[in-house]
PDB file of N, CA and C in Angstrom:
ATOM      1  N   MET A   1       0.846  -1.184  -0.005  1.00  0.00           N
ATOM      2  CA  MET A   1       0.035  -0.007   0.013  1.00  0.00           C
ATOM      3  C   MET A   1       0.858   1.250   0.026  1.00  0.00           C
ATOM      4  N   THR A   2       0.539   2.190  -0.858  1.00  0.00           N
ATOM      5  CA  THR A   2       1.405   3.413  -1.009  1.00  0.00           C
ATOM      6  C   THR A   2       0.417   4.557  -0.565  1.00  0.00           C
ATOM      7  N   ASN A   3       1.043   5.627  -0.064  1.00  0.00           N
ATOM      8  CA  ASN A   3       0.347   6.845   0.361  1.00  0.00           C
ATOM      9  C   ASN A   3       0.982   7.865  -0.417  1.00  0.00           C
ATOM     10  N   ASP A   4       0.377   8.540  -1.350  1.00  0.00           N
ATOM     11  CA  ASP A   4       0.985   9.599  -2.157  1.00  0.00           C
ATOM     12  C   ASP A   4       1.157  10.892  -1.325  1.00  0.00           C
ATOM     13  N   LYS A   5       0.500  11.036  -0.235  1.00  0.00           N
ATOM     14  CA  LYS A   5       0.623  12.339   0.441  1.00  0.00           C
ATOM     15  C   LYS A   5       1.867  12.378   1.289  1.00  0.00           C
ATOM     16  N   TYR A   6       2.239  11.206   1.864  1.00  0.00           N
ATOM     17  CA  TYR A   6       3.415  11.138   2.685  1.00  0.00           C
ATOM     18  C   TYR A   6       4.491  10.220   2.008  1.00  0.00           C
ATOM     19  N   GLN A   7       5.649  10.716   2.195  1.00  0.00           N
ATOM     20  CA  GLN A   7       6.772   9.880   1.662  1.00  0.00           C
ATOM     21  C   GLN A   7       7.591   9.271   2.881  1.00  0.00           C
ATOM     22  N   LEU A   8       8.050   8.081   2.678  1.00  0.00           N
ATOM     23  CA  LEU A   8       8.795   7.407   3.767  1.00  0.00           C
ATOM     24  C   LEU A   8      10.191   8.007   3.813  1.00  0.00           C
ATOM     25  N   LYS A   9      10.731   8.264   4.904  1.00  0.00           N
ATOM     26  CA  LYS A   9      11.961   8.846   5.067  1.00  0.00           C
ATOM     27  C   LYS A   9      12.689   8.005   6.057  1.00  0.00           C
ATOM     28  N   ASP A  10      14.105   8.010   5.950  1.00  0.00           N
ATOM     29  CA  ASP A  10      14.988   7.441   6.855  1.00  0.00           C
ATOM     30  C   ASP A  10      15.140   8.342   8.016  1.00  0.00           C
ATOM     31  N   VAL A  11      15.164   7.762   9.282  1.00  0.00           N
ATOM     32  CA  VAL A  11      15.459   8.424  10.487  1.00  0.00           C
ATOM     33  C   VAL A  11      16.838   8.384  10.726  1.00  0.00           C
ATOM     34  N   LYS A  12      17.506   9.497  10.851  1.00  0.00           N
ATOM     35  CA  LYS A  12      18.987   9.566  11.259  1.00  0.00           C
ATOM     36  C   LYS A  12      19.149  10.007  12.617  1.00  0.00           C
ATOM     37  N   VAL A  13      19.991   9.288  13.418  1.00  0.00           N
ATOM     38  CA  VAL A  13      20.319   9.728  14.679  1.00  0.00           C
ATOM     39  C   VAL A  13      21.652  10.171  14.762  1.00  0.00           C
ATOM     40  N   PHE A  14      21.880  11.341  15.386  1.00  0.00           N
ATOM     41  CA  PHE A  14      23.287  11.909  15.450  1.00  0.00           C
ATOM     42  C   PHE A  14      23.787  11.880  16.924  1.00  0.00           C
ATOM     43  N   SER A  15      25.053  11.822  16.966  1.00  0.00           N
ATOM     44  CA  SER A  15      25.687  11.737  18.427  1.00  0.00           C
ATOM     45  C   SER A  15      25.913  13.152  18.877  1.00  0.00           C
ATOM     46  N   SER A  16      25.889  14.159  18.111  1.00  0.00           N
ATOM     47  CA  SER A  16      26.064  15.589  18.609  1.00  0.00           C
ATOM     48  C   SER A  16      25.306  16.561  17.689  1.00  0.00           C
ATOM     49  N   ILE A  17      25.159  17.777  18.187  1.00  0.00           N
ATOM     50  CA  ILE A  17      24.436  18.820  17.437  1.00  0.00           C
ATOM     51  C   ILE A  17      25.363  19.130  16.366  1.00  0.00           C
ATOM     52  N   GLU A  18      26.678  19.176  16.503  1.00  0.00           N
ATOM     53  CA  GLU A  18      27.580  19.612  15.407  1.00  0.00           C
ATOM     54  C   GLU A  18      27.501  18.569  14.328  1.00  0.00           C
ATOM     55  N   GLU A  19      27.358  17.416  14.554  1.00  0.00           N
ATOM     56  CA  GLU A  19      27.251  16.318  13.463  1.00  0.00           C
ATOM     57  C   GLU A  19      25.846  16.558  12.739  1.00  0.00           C
ATOM     58  N   GLU A  20      24.839  16.743  13.437  1.00  0.00           N
ATOM     59  CA  GLU A  20      23.640  17.065  12.891  1.00  0.00           C
ATOM     60  C   GLU A  20      23.691  18.351  11.914  1.00  0.00           C
ATOM     61  N   ASN A  21      24.265  19.302  12.495  1.00  0.00           N
ATOM     62  CA  ASN A  21      24.377  20.549  11.721  1.00  0.00           C
ATOM     63  C   ASN A  21      25.304  20.398  10.445  1.00  0.00           C
ATOM     64  N   ALA A  22      26.300  19.628  10.507  1.00  0.00           N
ATOM     65  CA  ALA A  22      27.079  19.339   9.344  1.00  0.00           C
ATOM     66  C   ALA A  22      26.329  18.519   8.193  1.00  0.00           C
ATOM     67  N   TYR A  23      25.450  17.632   8.756  1.00  0.00           N
ATOM     68  CA  TYR A  23      24.671  16.822   7.778  1.00  0.00           C
ATOM     69  C   TYR A  23      23.689  17.762   7.164  1.00  0.00           C
ATOM     70  N   GLU A  24      22.988  18.500   7.919  1.00  0.00           N
ATOM     71  CA  GLU A  24      21.933  19.494   7.327  1.00  0.00           C
ATOM     72  C   GLU A  24      22.528  20.511   6.358  1.00  0.00           C
ATOM     73  N   TYR A  25      23.822  20.966   6.694  1.00  0.00           N
ATOM     74  CA  TYR A  25      24.418  21.911   5.805  1.00  0.00           C
ATOM     75  C   TYR A  25      24.789  21.239   4.487  1.00  0.00           C
ATOM     76  N   SER A  26      25.265  20.058   4.526  1.00  0.00           N
ATOM     77  CA  SER A  26      25.526  19.319   3.248  1.00  0.00           C
ATOM     78  C   SER A  26      24.299  18.877   2.480  1.00  0.00           C
ATOM     79  N   ARG A  27      23.177  18.495   3.247  1.00  0.00           N
ATOM     80  CA  ARG A  27      21.922  18.252   2.558  1.00  0.00           C
ATOM     81  C   ARG A  27      21.426  19.492   1.828  1.00  0.00           C
ATOM     82  N   ARG A  28      21.364  20.621   2.526  1.00  0.00           N
ATOM     83  CA  ARG A  28      20.882  21.804   1.918  1.00  0.00           C
ATOM     84  C   ARG A  28      21.649  22.376   0.783  1.00  0.00           C
ATOM     85  N   LYS A  29      22.982  22.068   0.807  1.00  0.00           N
ATOM     86  CA  LYS A  29      23.897  22.595  -0.195  1.00  0.00           C
ATOM     87  C   LYS A  29      23.589  21.851  -1.535  1.00  0.00           C
ATOM     88  N   GLU A  30      23.094  20.496  -1.416  1.00  0.00           N
ATOM     89  CA  GLU A  30      22.771  19.794  -2.585  1.00  0.00           C
ATOM     90  C   GLU A  30      21.424  20.265  -3.218  1.00  0.00           C
ATOM     91  N   GLN A  31      20.577  20.989  -2.424  1.00  0.00           N
ATOM     92  CA  GLN A  31      19.286  21.313  -2.948  1.00  0.00           C
ATOM     93  C   GLN A  31      19.307  22.607  -3.824  1.00  0.00           C
ATOM     94  N   SER A  32      18.365  22.711  -4.633  1.00  0.00           N
ATOM     95  CA  SER A  32      18.248  23.883  -5.376  1.00  0.00           C
ATOM     96  C   SER A  32      17.538  24.964  -4.641  1.00  0.00           C
ATOM     97  N   PRO A  33      17.553  26.248  -4.877  1.00  0.00           N
ATOM     98  CA  PRO A  33      16.767  27.238  -4.244  1.00  0.00           C
ATOM     99  C   PRO A  33      15.258  26.869  -4.282  1.00  0.00           C
ATOM    100  N   GLU A  34      14.855  26.456  -5.317  1.00  0.00           N
ATOM    101  CA  GLU A  34      13.341  26.064  -5.366  1.00  0.00           C
ATOM    102  C   GLU A  34      12.989  24.938  -4.410  1.00  0.00           C
ATOM    103  N   GLU A  35      13.867  23.923  -4.270  1.00  0.00           N
ATOM    104  CA  GLU A  35      13.602  22.802  -3.352  1.00  0.00           C
ATOM    105  C   GLU A  35      13.660  23.194  -1.972  1.00  0.00           C
ATOM    106  N   ARG A  36      14.566  24.137  -1.579  1.00  0.00           N
ATOM    107  CA  ARG A  36      14.621  24.769  -0.311  1.00  0.00           C
ATOM    108  C   ARG A  36      13.323  25.573   0.058  1.00  0.00           C
ATOM    109  N   PHE A  37      12.943  26.356  -0.937  1.00  0.00           N
ATOM    110  CA  PHE A  37      11.693  27.056  -0.802  1.00  0.00           C
ATOM    111  C   PHE A  37      10.404  26.224  -0.551  1.00  0.00           C
ATOM    112  N   GLN A  38      10.389  25.189  -1.316  1.00  0.00           N
ATOM    113  CA  GLN A  38       9.302  24.182  -1.192  1.00  0.00           C
ATOM    114  C   GLN A  38       9.319  23.475   0.209  1.00  0.00           C
ATOM    115  N   GLU A  39      10.542  23.187   0.706  1.00  0.00           N
ATOM    116  CA  GLU A  39      10.615  22.502   1.904  1.00  0.00           C
ATOM    117  C   GLU A  39      10.124  23.403   3.091  1.00  0.00           C
ATOM    118  N   PHE A  40      10.603  24.703   2.939  1.00  0.00           N
ATOM    119  CA  PHE A  40      10.180  25.696   3.973  1.00  0.00           C
ATOM    120  C   PHE A  40       8.698  25.950   3.984  1.00  0.00           C
ATOM    121  N   ALA A  41       8.174  25.980   2.756  1.00  0.00           N
ATOM    122  CA  ALA A  41       6.592  26.205   2.622  1.00  0.00           C
ATOM    123  C   ALA A  41       5.896  25.029   3.198  1.00  0.00           C
ATOM    124  N   ARG A  42       6.410  23.765   3.093  1.00  0.00           N
ATOM    125  CA  ARG A  42       5.749  22.631   3.743  1.00  0.00           C
ATOM    126  C   ARG A  42       5.843  22.700   5.283  1.00  0.00           C
ATOM    127  N   LEU A  43       6.945  23.133   5.759  1.00  0.00           N
ATOM    128  CA  LEU A  43       7.103  23.374   7.279  1.00  0.00           C
ATOM    129  C   LEU A  43       6.201  24.331   7.782  1.00  0.00           C
ATOM    130  N   GLN A  44       6.073  25.474   7.061  1.00  0.00           N
ATOM    131  CA  GLN A  44       5.034  26.531   7.406  1.00  0.00           C
ATOM    132  C   GLN A  44       3.691  25.987   7.536  1.00  0.00           C
ATOM    133  N   ALA A  45       3.263  25.249   6.523  1.00  0.00           N
ATOM    134  CA  ALA A  45       1.976  24.715   6.430  1.00  0.00           C
ATOM    135  C   ALA A  45       1.748  23.722   7.478  1.00  0.00           C
ATOM    136  N   GLN A  46       2.758  22.875   7.827  1.00  0.00           N
ATOM    137  CA  GLN A  46       2.576  21.943   8.993  1.00  0.00           C
ATOM    138  C   GLN A  46       2.419  22.562  10.292  1.00  0.00           C
ATOM    139  N   ARG A  47       3.235  23.659  10.546  1.00  0.00           N
ATOM    140  CA  ARG A  47       3.182  24.391  11.777  1.00  0.00           C
ATOM    141  C   ARG A  47       2.100  25.327  11.921  1.00  0.00           C
ATOM    142  N   TRP A  48       1.750  26.255  11.010  1.00  0.00           N
ATOM    143  CA  TRP A  48       0.737  27.253  11.216  1.00  0.00           C
ATOM    144  C   TRP A  48      -0.543  27.028  10.377  1.00  0.00           C
ATOM    145  N   GLY A  49      -0.484  26.226   9.326  1.00  0.00           N
ATOM    146  CA  GLY A  49      -1.647  25.937   8.549  1.00  0.00           C
ATOM    147  C   GLY A  49      -2.066  27.276   7.782  1.00  0.00           C
ATOM    148  N   LYS A  50      -3.363  27.385   7.683  1.00  0.00           N
ATOM    149  CA  LYS A  50      -3.857  28.590   6.979  1.00  0.00           C
ATOM    150  C   LYS A  50      -3.539  29.974   7.725  1.00  0.00           C
ATOM    151  N   ASN A  51      -3.330  29.921   9.022  1.00  0.00           N
ATOM    152  CA  ASN A  51      -2.990  31.051   9.731  1.00  0.00           C
ATOM    153  C   ASN A  51      -1.736  31.830   9.284  1.00  0.00           C
ATOM    154  N   TRP A  52      -0.853  30.971   8.711  1.00  0.00           N
ATOM    155  CA  TRP A  52       0.353  31.625   8.183  1.00  0.00           C
ATOM    156  C   TRP A  52       0.057  32.628   7.033  1.00  0.00           C
ATOM    157  N   ILE A  53      -0.876  32.274   6.270  1.00  0.00           N
ATOM    158  CA  ILE A  53      -1.210  33.143   5.078  1.00  0.00           C
ATOM    159  C   ILE A  53      -2.343  34.146   5.402  1.00  0.00           C
ATOM    160  N   GLN A  54      -3.350  33.744   6.188  1.00  0.00           N
ATOM    161  CA  GLN A  54      -4.530  34.716   6.436  1.00  0.00           C
ATOM    162  C   GLN A  54      -4.431  35.514   7.683  1.00  0.00           C
ATOM    163  N   THR A  55      -3.617  35.204   8.542  1.00  0.00           N
ATOM    164  CA  THR A  55      -3.574  36.045   9.816  1.00  0.00           C
ATOM    165  C   THR A  55      -2.417  36.972   9.760  1.00  0.00           C
ATOM    166  N   PRO A  56      -2.526  38.359   9.777  1.00  0.00           N
ATOM    167  CA  PRO A  56      -1.469  39.218   9.787  1.00  0.00           C
ATOM    168  C   PRO A  56      -0.566  38.966  11.014  1.00  0.00           C
ATOM    169  N   ILE A  57       0.702  39.298  10.990  1.00  0.00           N
ATOM    170  CA  ILE A  57       1.542  39.110  11.998  1.00  0.00           C
ATOM    171  C   ILE A  57       1.432  40.456  12.853  1.00  0.00           C
ATOM    172  N   LYS A  58       1.333  40.183  14.230  1.00  0.00           N
ATOM    173  CA  LYS A  58       1.286  41.298  15.121  1.00  0.00           C
ATOM    174  C   LYS A  58       2.684  41.691  15.526  1.00  0.00           C
ATOM    175  N   LYS A  59       3.048  42.885  15.308  1.00  0.00           N
ATOM    176  CA  LYS A  59       4.388  43.459  15.659  1.00  0.00           C
ATOM    177  C   LYS A  59       4.264  44.117  17.109  1.00  0.00           C
ATOM    178  N   ILE A  60       4.970  43.562  17.990  1.00  0.00           N
ATOM    179  CA  ILE A  60       4.971  44.082  19.333  1.00  0.00           C
ATOM    180  C   ILE A  60       6.362  44.577  19.669  1.00  0.00           C
ATOM    181  N   VAL A  61       6.416  45.828  20.215  1.00  0.00           N
ATOM    182  CA  VAL A  61       7.681  46.349  20.549  1.00  0.00           C
ATOM    183  C   VAL A  61       7.553  46.640  22.021  1.00  0.00           C
ATOM    184  N   THR A  62       8.659  46.245  22.724  1.00  0.00           N
ATOM    185  CA  THR A  62       8.813  46.591  24.215  1.00  0.00           C
ATOM    186  C   THR A  62      10.139  47.268  24.297  1.00  0.00           C
ATOM    187  N   PHE A  63      10.180  48.253  25.287  1.00  0.00           N
ATOM    188  CA  PHE A  63      11.451  48.861  25.623  1.00  0.00           C
ATOM    189  C   PHE A  63      11.509  49.153  27.094  1.00  0.00           C
ATOM    190  N   GLU A  64      12.692  49.420  27.560  1.00  0.00           N
ATOM    191  CA  GLU A  64      12.879  49.678  29.017  1.00  0.00           C
ATOM    192  C   GLU A  64      13.682  51.014  29.018  1.00  0.00           C
ATOM    193  N   LYS A  65      13.289  51.863  29.790  1.00  0.00           N
ATOM    194  CA  LYS A  65      14.009  53.129  29.940  1.00  0.00           C
ATOM    195  C   LYS A  65      14.994  53.045  31.013  1.00  0.00           C
ATOM    196  N   LEU A  66      16.267  53.350  30.598  1.00  0.00           N
ATOM    197  CA  LEU A  66      17.376  53.293  31.558  1.00  0.00           C
ATOM    198  C   LEU A  66      17.687  54.684  32.077  1.00  0.00           C
ATOM    199  N   PHE A  67      17.956  54.753  33.317  1.00  0.00           N
ATOM    200  CA  PHE A  67      18.238  56.079  33.881  1.00  0.00           C
ATOM    201  C   PHE A  67      19.711  56.253  34.192  1.00  0.00           C
TER     202      PHE A  67
END
């Protein structure tokens, strides 16, 4: 049985954050800008859904007065 919506991916376990970062750097280096953009768009849709597109971002500024 195949599911066209989801792709099976290998799960990689890294012994350190540095090793993971090096792998991600090399993986992204091999991608085209369009592939990176599509990956980012998928992550946005997973995290925020329609809110990412339809809800404007609230910009909040805070400051502290120093004497």
